[in-house]
Amino acid sequence: MKKLSFALVGAAALALAACGGKGDDAAGDNVADNYDAAADNLDAAADNAANPAEADALENQADALRDEGKDKEEAIDAADVNASNVNAM
């Protein structure tokens, strides 16, 4: 009975290790896409702004959102690499 339990736990551990870290690229892409969509909305609002100062402020916010989205995507990609390195051990 102990051997069977050990075999099942071992097989489950191997199965989890084999699939760890997969699919994170899609998550990173989704995060960046969502930030880009929000930034596009800010750009559209800047185009309709009442004065140039407001338009500049909205465009700066849009740029900041795009940069933050890229940072988040890179962080997710780095976490994916780290997860695959841990799983490879």
PDB file of N, CA and C in Angstrom:
ATOM      1  N   MET A   1       0.817  -1.193   0.000  1.00  0.00           N
ATOM      2  CA  MET A   1       0.000   0.000   0.000  1.00  0.00           C
ATOM      3  C   MET A   1       0.859   1.254   0.000  1.00  0.00           C
ATOM      4  N   LYS A   2       1.976   1.216   0.756  1.00  0.00           N
ATOM      5  CA  LYS A   2       2.863   2.372   0.804  1.00  0.00           C
ATOM      6  C   LYS A   2       3.512   2.616  -0.550  1.00  0.00           C
ATOM      7  N   LYS A   3       3.863   1.536  -1.260  1.00  0.00           N
ATOM      8  CA  LYS A   3       4.494   1.687  -2.566  1.00  0.00           C
ATOM      9  C   LYS A   3       3.522   2.311  -3.571  1.00  0.00           C
ATOM     10  N   LEU A   4       2.264   1.900  -3.491  1.00  0.00           N
ATOM     11  CA  LEU A   4       1.257   2.453  -4.383  1.00  0.00           C
ATOM     12  C   LEU A   4       1.059   3.938  -4.105  1.00  0.00           C
ATOM     13  N   SER A   5       0.984   4.320  -2.848  1.00  0.00           N
ATOM     14  CA  SER A   5       0.826   5.732  -2.479  1.00  0.00           C
ATOM     15  C   SER A   5       2.018   6.546  -2.962  1.00  0.00           C
ATOM     16  N   PHE A   6       3.202   6.002  -2.746  1.00  0.00           N
ATOM     17  CA  PHE A   6       4.418   6.690  -3.170  1.00  0.00           C
ATOM     18  C   PHE A   6       4.430   6.863  -4.692  1.00  0.00           C
ATOM     19  N   ALA A   7       4.034   5.850  -5.422  1.00  0.00           N
ATOM     20  CA  ALA A   7       4.008   5.911  -6.882  1.00  0.00           C
ATOM     21  C   ALA A   7       3.008   6.948  -7.371  1.00  0.00           C
ATOM     22  N   LEU A   8       1.833   7.002  -6.751  1.00  0.00           N
ATOM     23  CA  LEU A   8       0.823   7.986  -7.147  1.00  0.00           C
ATOM     24  C   LEU A   8       1.279   9.413  -6.863  1.00  0.00           C
ATOM     25  N   VAL A   9       1.860   9.638  -5.697  1.00  0.00           N
ATOM     26  CA  VAL A   9       2.352  10.973  -5.350  1.00  0.00           C
ATOM     27  C   VAL A   9       3.484  11.371  -6.287  1.00  0.00           C
ATOM     28  N   GLY A  10       4.372  10.437  -6.578  1.00  0.00           N
ATOM     29  CA  GLY A  10       5.472  10.717  -7.502  1.00  0.00           C
ATOM     30  C   GLY A  10       4.982  11.054  -8.899  1.00  0.00           C
ATOM     31  N   ALA A  11       4.010  10.308  -9.385  1.00  0.00           N
ATOM     32  CA  ALA A  11       3.457  10.565 -10.713  1.00  0.00           C
ATOM     33  C   ALA A  11       2.759  11.915 -10.757  1.00  0.00           C
ATOM     34  N   ALA A  12       2.028  12.259  -9.701  1.00  0.00           N
ATOM     35  CA  ALA A  12       1.355  13.556  -9.646  1.00  0.00           C
ATOM     36  C   ALA A  12       2.375  14.688  -9.614  1.00  0.00           C
ATOM     37  N   ALA A  13       3.453  14.527  -8.860  1.00  0.00           N
ATOM     38  CA  ALA A  13       4.492  15.555  -8.788  1.00  0.00           C
ATOM     39  C   ALA A  13       5.154  15.753 -10.148  1.00  0.00           C
ATOM     40  N   LEU A  14       5.439  14.665 -10.844  1.00  0.00           N
ATOM     41  CA  LEU A  14       6.046  14.771 -12.167  1.00  0.00           C
ATOM     42  C   LEU A  14       5.098  15.441 -13.164  1.00  0.00           C
ATOM     43  N   ALA A  15       3.830  15.112 -13.086  1.00  0.00           N
ATOM     44  CA  ALA A  15       2.853  15.724 -13.992  1.00  0.00           C
ATOM     45  C   ALA A  15       2.750  17.222 -13.753  1.00  0.00           C
ATOM     46  N   LEU A  16       2.750  17.631 -12.499  1.00  0.00           N
ATOM     47  CA  LEU A  16       2.682  19.061 -12.189  1.00  0.00           C
ATOM     48  C   LEU A  16       3.951  19.782 -12.616  1.00  0.00           C
ATOM     49  N   ALA A  17       5.083  19.153 -12.425  1.00  0.00           N
ATOM     50  CA  ALA A  17       6.346  19.775 -12.811  1.00  0.00           C
ATOM     51  C   ALA A  17       6.442  19.930 -14.329  1.00  0.00           C
ATOM     52  N   ALA A  18       5.882  18.987 -15.053  1.00  0.00           N
ATOM     53  CA  ALA A  18       5.954  19.030 -16.512  1.00  0.00           C
ATOM     54  C   ALA A  18       5.134  20.160 -17.104  1.00  0.00           C
ATOM     55  N   CYS A  19       4.067  20.544 -16.446  1.00  0.00           N
ATOM     56  CA  CYS A  19       3.206  21.580 -17.020  1.00  0.00           C
ATOM     57  C   CYS A  19       3.389  22.936 -16.343  1.00  0.00           C
ATOM     58  N   GLY A  20       4.258  23.053 -15.392  1.00  0.00           N
ATOM     59  CA  GLY A  20       4.451  24.323 -14.695  1.00  0.00           C
ATOM     60  C   GLY A  20       5.047  25.382 -15.595  1.00  0.00           C
ATOM     61  N   GLY A  21       4.538  26.630 -15.474  1.00  0.00           N
ATOM     62  CA  GLY A  21       5.086  27.753 -16.205  1.00  0.00           C
ATOM     63  C   GLY A  21       4.601  27.885 -17.627  1.00  0.00           C
ATOM     64  N   LYS A  22       3.728  27.012 -18.067  1.00  0.00           N
ATOM     65  CA  LYS A  22       3.235  27.112 -19.434  1.00  0.00           C
ATOM     66  C   LYS A  22       1.992  27.991 -19.465  1.00  0.00           C
ATOM     67  N   GLY A  23       1.843  28.719 -20.548  1.00  0.00           N
ATOM     68  CA  GLY A  23       0.684  29.582 -20.711  1.00  0.00           C
ATOM     69  C   GLY A  23       0.899  30.989 -20.188  1.00  0.00           C
ATOM     70  N   ASP A  24       2.035  31.249 -19.564  1.00  0.00           N
ATOM     71  CA  ASP A  24       2.279  32.581 -19.041  1.00  0.00           C
ATOM     72  C   ASP A  24       2.553  33.594 -20.135  1.00  0.00           C
ATOM     73  N   ASP A  25       3.043  33.133 -21.285  1.00  0.00           N
ATOM     74  CA  ASP A  25       3.264  34.066 -22.383  1.00  0.00           C
ATOM     75  C   ASP A  25       1.945  34.699 -22.805  1.00  0.00           C
ATOM     76  N   ALA A  26       0.899  33.904 -22.855  1.00  0.00           N
ATOM     77  CA  ALA A  26      -0.410  34.435 -23.210  1.00  0.00           C
ATOM     78  C   ALA A  26      -0.880  35.426 -22.157  1.00  0.00           C
ATOM     79  N   ALA A  27      -0.607  35.131 -20.899  1.00  0.00           N
ATOM     80  CA  ALA A  27      -1.005  36.045 -19.833  1.00  0.00           C
ATOM     81  C   ALA A  27      -0.277  37.374 -19.973  1.00  0.00           C
ATOM     82  N   GLY A  28       1.014  37.326 -20.259  1.00  0.00           N
ATOM     83  CA  GLY A  28       1.788  38.554 -20.438  1.00  0.00           C
ATOM     84  C   GLY A  28       1.281  39.362 -21.614  1.00  0.00           C
ATOM     85  N   ASP A  29       0.960  38.664 -22.702  1.00  0.00           N
ATOM     86  CA  ASP A  29       0.432  39.355 -23.874  1.00  0.00           C
ATOM     87  C   ASP A  29      -0.911  40.000 -23.566  1.00  0.00           C
ATOM     88  N   ASN A  30      -1.762  39.302 -22.808  1.00  0.00           N
ATOM     89  CA  ASN A  30      -3.066  39.852 -22.454  1.00  0.00           C
ATOM     90  C   ASN A  30      -2.924  41.092 -21.588  1.00  0.00           C
ATOM     91  N   VAL A  31      -1.990  41.062 -20.657  1.00  0.00           N
ATOM     92  CA  VAL A  31      -1.770  42.221 -19.789  1.00  0.00           C
ATOM     93  C   VAL A  31      -1.343  43.414 -20.630  1.00  0.00           C
ATOM     94  N   ALA A  32      -0.369  43.207 -21.515  1.00  0.00           N
ATOM     95  CA  ALA A  32       0.112  44.299 -22.361  1.00  0.00           C
ATOM     96  C   ALA A  32      -1.007  44.813 -23.264  1.00  0.00           C
ATOM     97  N   ASP A  33      -1.812  43.911 -23.814  1.00  0.00           N
ATOM     98  CA  ASP A  33      -2.923  44.325 -24.672  1.00  0.00           C
ATOM     99  C   ASP A  33      -3.944  45.167 -23.907  1.00  0.00           C
ATOM    100  N   ASN A  34      -4.219  44.778 -22.657  1.00  0.00           N
ATOM    101  CA  ASN A  34      -5.172  45.540 -21.859  1.00  0.00           C
ATOM    102  C   ASN A  34      -4.648  46.934 -21.546  1.00  0.00           C
ATOM    103  N   TYR A  35      -3.367  47.038 -21.227  1.00  0.00           N
ATOM    104  CA  TYR A  35      -2.771  48.353 -20.974  1.00  0.00           C
ATOM    105  C   TYR A  35      -2.790  49.201 -22.247  1.00  0.00           C
ATOM    106  N   ASP A  36      -2.496  48.568 -23.400  1.00  0.00           N
ATOM    107  CA  ASP A  36      -2.526  49.302 -24.667  1.00  0.00           C
ATOM    108  C   ASP A  36      -3.931  49.798 -24.989  1.00  0.00           C
ATOM    109  N   ALA A  37      -4.927  48.979 -24.717  1.00  0.00           N
ATOM    110  CA  ALA A  37      -6.305  49.394 -24.975  1.00  0.00           C
ATOM    111  C   ALA A  37      -6.692  50.589 -24.104  1.00  0.00           C
ATOM    112  N   ALA A  38      -6.284  50.553 -22.839  1.00  0.00           N
ATOM    113  CA  ALA A  38      -6.571  51.677 -21.948  1.00  0.00           C
ATOM    114  C   ALA A  38      -5.836  52.931 -22.422  1.00  0.00           C
ATOM    115  N   ALA A  39      -4.591  52.751 -22.879  1.00  0.00           N
ATOM    116  CA  ALA A  39      -3.815  53.881 -23.378  1.00  0.00           C
ATOM    117  C   ALA A  39      -4.450  54.450 -24.649  1.00  0.00           C
ATOM    118  N   ASP A  40      -4.982  53.581 -25.492  1.00  0.00           N
ATOM    119  CA  ASP A  40      -5.678  54.054 -26.699  1.00  0.00           C
ATOM    120  C   ASP A  40      -6.891  54.893 -26.332  1.00  0.00           C
ATOM    121  N   ASN A  41      -7.600  54.485 -25.287  1.00  0.00           N
ATOM    122  CA  ASN A  41      -8.746  55.270 -24.824  1.00  0.00           C
ATOM    123  C   ASN A  41      -8.304  56.648 -24.331  1.00  0.00           C
ATOM    124  N   LEU A  42      -7.170  56.697 -23.639  1.00  0.00           N
ATOM    125  CA  LEU A  42      -6.653  57.987 -23.187  1.00  0.00           C
ATOM    126  C   LEU A  42      -6.220  58.848 -24.371  1.00  0.00           C
ATOM    127  N   ASP A  43      -5.631  58.223 -25.383  1.00  0.00           N
ATOM    128  CA  ASP A  43      -5.257  58.977 -26.583  1.00  0.00           C
ATOM    129  C   ASP A  43      -6.493  59.559 -27.264  1.00  0.00           C
ATOM    130  N   ALA A  44      -7.559  58.783 -27.326  1.00  0.00           N
ATOM    131  CA  ALA A  44      -8.803  59.274 -27.921  1.00  0.00           C
ATOM    132  C   ALA A  44      -9.364  60.434 -27.103  1.00  0.00           C
ATOM    133  N   ALA A  45      -9.266  60.331 -25.781  1.00  0.00           N
ATOM    134  CA  ALA A  45      -9.728  61.425 -24.928  1.00  0.00           C
ATOM    135  C   ALA A  45      -8.857  62.660 -25.128  1.00  0.00           C
ATOM    136  N   ALA A  46      -7.559  62.455 -25.347  1.00  0.00           N
ATOM    137  CA  ALA A  46      -6.655  63.585 -25.591  1.00  0.00           C
ATOM    138  C   ALA A  46      -7.014  64.295 -26.887  1.00  0.00           C
ATOM    139  N   ASP A  47      -7.427  63.525 -27.890  1.00  0.00           N
ATOM    140  CA  ASP A  47      -7.829  64.128 -29.159  1.00  0.00           C
ATOM    141  C   ASP A  47      -9.063  65.010 -28.996  1.00  0.00           C
ATOM    142  N   ASN A  48      -9.900  64.679 -28.017  1.00  0.00           N
ATOM    143  CA  ASN A  48     -11.134  65.439 -27.781  1.00  0.00           C
ATOM    144  C   ASN A  48     -11.012  66.432 -26.630  1.00  0.00           C
ATOM    145  N   ALA A  49      -9.795  66.626 -26.128  1.00  0.00           N
ATOM    146  CA  ALA A  49      -9.591  67.505 -24.970  1.00  0.00           C
ATOM    147  C   ALA A  49      -9.910  68.952 -25.328  1.00  0.00           C
ATOM    148  N   ALA A  50     -10.350  69.664 -24.306  1.00  0.00           N
ATOM    149  CA  ALA A  50     -10.754  71.058 -24.503  1.00  0.00           C
ATOM    150  C   ALA A  50      -9.562  71.986 -24.664  1.00  0.00           C
ATOM    151  N   ASN A  51      -8.446  71.663 -24.011  1.00  0.00           N
ATOM    152  CA  ASN A  51      -7.280  72.547 -24.123  1.00  0.00           C
ATOM    153  C   ASN A  51      -5.999  71.724 -24.277  1.00  0.00           C
ATOM    154  N   PRO A  52      -4.940  72.354 -24.781  1.00  0.00           N
ATOM    155  CA  PRO A  52      -3.690  71.627 -25.031  1.00  0.00           C
ATOM    156  C   PRO A  52      -3.051  71.037 -23.768  1.00  0.00           C
ATOM    157  N   ALA A  53      -3.174  71.693 -22.645  1.00  0.00           N
ATOM    158  CA  ALA A  53      -2.583  71.174 -21.406  1.00  0.00           C
ATOM    159  C   ALA A  53      -3.246  69.869 -20.999  1.00  0.00           C
ATOM    160  N   GLU A  54      -4.552  69.821 -21.132  1.00  0.00           N
ATOM    161  CA  GLU A  54      -5.280  68.589 -20.805  1.00  0.00           C
ATOM    162  C   GLU A  54      -4.901  67.472 -21.779  1.00  0.00           C
ATOM    163  N   ALA A  55      -4.760  67.811 -23.045  1.00  0.00           N
ATOM    164  CA  ALA A  55      -4.378  66.825 -24.050  1.00  0.00           C
ATOM    165  C   ALA A  55      -2.985  66.262 -23.750  1.00  0.00           C
ATOM    166  N   ASP A  56      -2.054  67.148 -23.397  1.00  0.00           N
ATOM    167  CA  ASP A  56      -0.696  66.693 -23.058  1.00  0.00           C
ATOM    168  C   ASP A  56      -0.707  65.771 -21.842  1.00  0.00           C
ATOM    169  N   ALA A  57      -1.486  66.128 -20.828  1.00  0.00           N
ATOM    170  CA  ALA A  57      -1.564  65.309 -19.618  1.00  0.00           C
ATOM    171  C   ALA A  57      -2.120  63.918 -19.942  1.00  0.00           C
ATOM    172  N   LEU A  58      -3.150  63.859 -20.769  1.00  0.00           N
ATOM    173  CA  LEU A  58      -3.734  62.567 -21.147  1.00  0.00           C
ATOM    174  C   LEU A  58      -2.764  61.736 -21.979  1.00  0.00           C
ATOM    175  N   GLU A  59      -2.036  62.393 -22.877  1.00  0.00           N
ATOM    176  CA  GLU A  59      -1.053  61.657 -23.680  1.00  0.00           C
ATOM    177  C   GLU A  59       0.078  61.126 -22.809  1.00  0.00           C
ATOM    178  N   ASN A  60       0.496  61.905 -21.806  1.00  0.00           N
ATOM    179  CA  ASN A  60       1.526  61.438 -20.883  1.00  0.00           C
ATOM    180  C   ASN A  60       1.041  60.231 -20.080  1.00  0.00           C
ATOM    181  N   GLN A  61      -0.228  60.269 -19.674  1.00  0.00           N
ATOM    182  CA  GLN A  61      -0.791  59.124 -18.953  1.00  0.00           C
ATOM    183  C   GLN A  61      -0.846  57.895 -19.852  1.00  0.00           C
ATOM    184  N   ALA A  62      -1.196  58.095 -21.123  1.00  0.00           N
ATOM    185  CA  ALA A  62      -1.244  56.981 -22.070  1.00  0.00           C
ATOM    186  C   ALA A  62       0.145  56.365 -22.246  1.00  0.00           C
ATOM    187  N   ASP A  63       1.158  57.221 -22.375  1.00  0.00           N
ATOM    188  CA  ASP A  63       2.530  56.720 -22.510  1.00  0.00           C
ATOM    189  C   ASP A  63       2.955  55.942 -21.266  1.00  0.00           C
ATOM    190  N   ALA A  64       2.596  56.467 -20.095  1.00  0.00           N
ATOM    191  CA  ALA A  64       2.940  55.795 -18.841  1.00  0.00           C
ATOM    192  C   ALA A  64       2.256  54.432 -18.750  1.00  0.00           C
ATOM    193  N   LEU A  65       1.009  54.354 -19.194  1.00  0.00           N
ATOM    194  CA  LEU A  65       0.292  53.072 -19.176  1.00  0.00           C
ATOM    195  C   LEU A  65       0.955  52.061 -20.102  1.00  0.00           C
ATOM    196  N   ARG A  66       1.358  52.516 -21.284  1.00  0.00           N
ATOM    197  CA  ARG A  66       2.023  51.597 -22.214  1.00  0.00           C
ATOM    198  C   ARG A  66       3.328  51.075 -21.613  1.00  0.00           C
ATOM    199  N   ASP A  67       4.095  51.976 -20.983  1.00  0.00           N
ATOM    200  CA  ASP A  67       5.347  51.551 -20.348  1.00  0.00           C
ATOM    201  C   ASP A  67       5.084  50.563 -19.218  1.00  0.00           C
ATOM    202  N   GLU A  68       4.054  50.834 -18.430  1.00  0.00           N
ATOM    203  CA  GLU A  68       3.723  49.936 -17.322  1.00  0.00           C
ATOM    204  C   GLU A  68       3.283  48.570 -17.850  1.00  0.00           C
ATOM    205  N   GLY A  69       2.527  48.569 -18.935  1.00  0.00           N
ATOM    206  CA  GLY A  69       2.109  47.312 -19.542  1.00  0.00           C
ATOM    207  C   GLY A  69       3.289  46.490 -20.016  1.00  0.00           C
ATOM    208  N   LYS A  70       4.285  47.166 -20.611  1.00  0.00           N
ATOM    209  CA  LYS A  70       5.488  46.451 -21.051  1.00  0.00           C
ATOM    210  C   LYS A  70       6.252  45.893 -19.854  1.00  0.00           C
ATOM    211  N   ASP A  71       6.338  46.691 -18.781  1.00  0.00           N
ATOM    212  CA  ASP A  71       7.017  46.226 -17.574  1.00  0.00           C
ATOM    213  C   ASP A  71       6.329  44.997 -16.989  1.00  0.00           C
ATOM    214  N   LYS A  72       4.995  45.029 -16.952  1.00  0.00           N
ATOM    215  CA  LYS A  72       4.243  43.892 -16.409  1.00  0.00           C
ATOM    216  C   LYS A  72       4.444  42.659 -17.287  1.00  0.00           C
ATOM    217  N   GLU A  73       4.428  42.860 -18.610  1.00  0.00           N
ATOM    218  CA  GLU A  73       4.620  41.727 -19.515  1.00  0.00           C
ATOM    219  C   GLU A  73       6.007  41.118 -19.310  1.00  0.00           C
ATOM    220  N   GLU A  74       7.035  41.966 -19.164  1.00  0.00           N
ATOM    221  CA  GLU A  74       8.386  41.469 -18.936  1.00  0.00           C
ATOM    222  C   GLU A  74       8.488  40.728 -17.602  1.00  0.00           C
ATOM    223  N   ALA A  75       7.780  41.235 -16.581  1.00  0.00           N
ATOM    224  CA  ALA A  75       7.803  40.569 -15.277  1.00  0.00           C
ATOM    225  C   ALA A  75       7.157  39.190 -15.361  1.00  0.00           C
ATOM    226  N   ILE A  76       6.073  39.090 -16.110  1.00  0.00           N
ATOM    227  CA  ILE A  76       5.405  37.795 -16.274  1.00  0.00           C
ATOM    228  C   ILE A  76       6.306  36.840 -17.051  1.00  0.00           C
ATOM    229  N   ASP A  77       6.974  37.349 -18.098  1.00  0.00           N
ATOM    230  CA  ASP A  77       7.886  36.507 -18.870  1.00  0.00           C
ATOM    231  C   ASP A  77       9.057  36.039 -18.009  1.00  0.00           C
ATOM    232  N   ALA A  78       9.574  36.937 -17.164  1.00  0.00           N
ATOM    233  CA  ALA A  78      10.676  36.553 -16.270  1.00  0.00           C
ATOM    234  C   ALA A  78      10.221  35.496 -15.277  1.00  0.00           C
ATOM    235  N   ALA A  79       8.999  35.624 -14.779  1.00  0.00           N
ATOM    236  CA  ALA A  79       8.466  34.629 -13.850  1.00  0.00           C
ATOM    237  C   ALA A  79       8.312  33.289 -14.551  1.00  0.00           C
ATOM    238  N   ASP A  80       7.948  33.314 -15.822  1.00  0.00           N
ATOM    239  CA  ASP A  80       7.818  32.079 -16.589  1.00  0.00           C
ATOM    240  C   ASP A  80       9.163  31.398 -16.741  1.00  0.00           C
ATOM    241  N   VAL A  81      10.211  32.188 -17.020  1.00  0.00           N
ATOM    242  CA  VAL A  81      11.560  31.626 -17.137  1.00  0.00           C
ATOM    243  C   VAL A  81      12.002  31.045 -15.800  1.00  0.00           C
ATOM    244  N   ASN A  82      11.737  31.776 -14.716  1.00  0.00           N
ATOM    245  CA  ASN A  82      12.109  31.273 -13.397  1.00  0.00           C
ATOM    246  C   ASN A  82      11.376  29.985 -13.055  1.00  0.00           C
ATOM    247  N   ALA A  83      10.109  29.910 -13.418  1.00  0.00           N
ATOM    248  CA  ALA A  83       9.335  28.701 -13.148  1.00  0.00           C
ATOM    249  C   ALA A  83       9.876  27.519 -13.936  1.00  0.00           C
ATOM    250  N   SER A  84      10.257  27.764 -15.181  1.00  0.00           N
ATOM    251  CA  SER A  84      10.796  26.657 -15.967  1.00  0.00           C
ATOM    252  C   SER A  84      12.159  26.226 -15.442  1.00  0.00           C
ATOM    253  N   ASN A  85      12.944  27.184 -14.911  1.00  0.00           N
ATOM    254  CA  ASN A  85      14.238  26.812 -14.338  1.00  0.00           C
ATOM    255  C   ASN A  85      14.049  25.976 -13.076  1.00  0.00           C
ATOM    256  N   VAL A  86      13.061  26.303 -12.269  1.00  0.00           N
ATOM    257  CA  VAL A  86      12.790  25.545 -11.052  1.00  0.00           C
ATOM    258  C   VAL A  86      12.287  24.153 -11.419  1.00  0.00           C
ATOM    259  N   ASN A  87      11.429  24.087 -12.419  1.00  0.00           N
ATOM    260  CA  ASN A  87      10.892  22.783 -12.839  1.00  0.00           C
ATOM    261  C   ASN A  87      11.959  21.892 -13.452  1.00  0.00           C
ATOM    262  N   ALA A  88      12.990  22.498 -14.012  1.00  0.00           N
ATOM    263  CA  ALA A  88      14.038  21.717 -14.643  1.00  0.00           C
ATOM    264  C   ALA A  88      14.970  21.065 -13.627  1.00  0.00           C
ATOM    265  N   MET A  89      14.943  21.535 -12.405  1.00  0.00           N
ATOM    266  CA  MET A  89      15.852  21.003 -11.377  1.00  0.00           C
ATOM    267  C   MET A  89      15.479  19.618 -10.965  1.00  0.00           C
TER     268      MET A  89
END
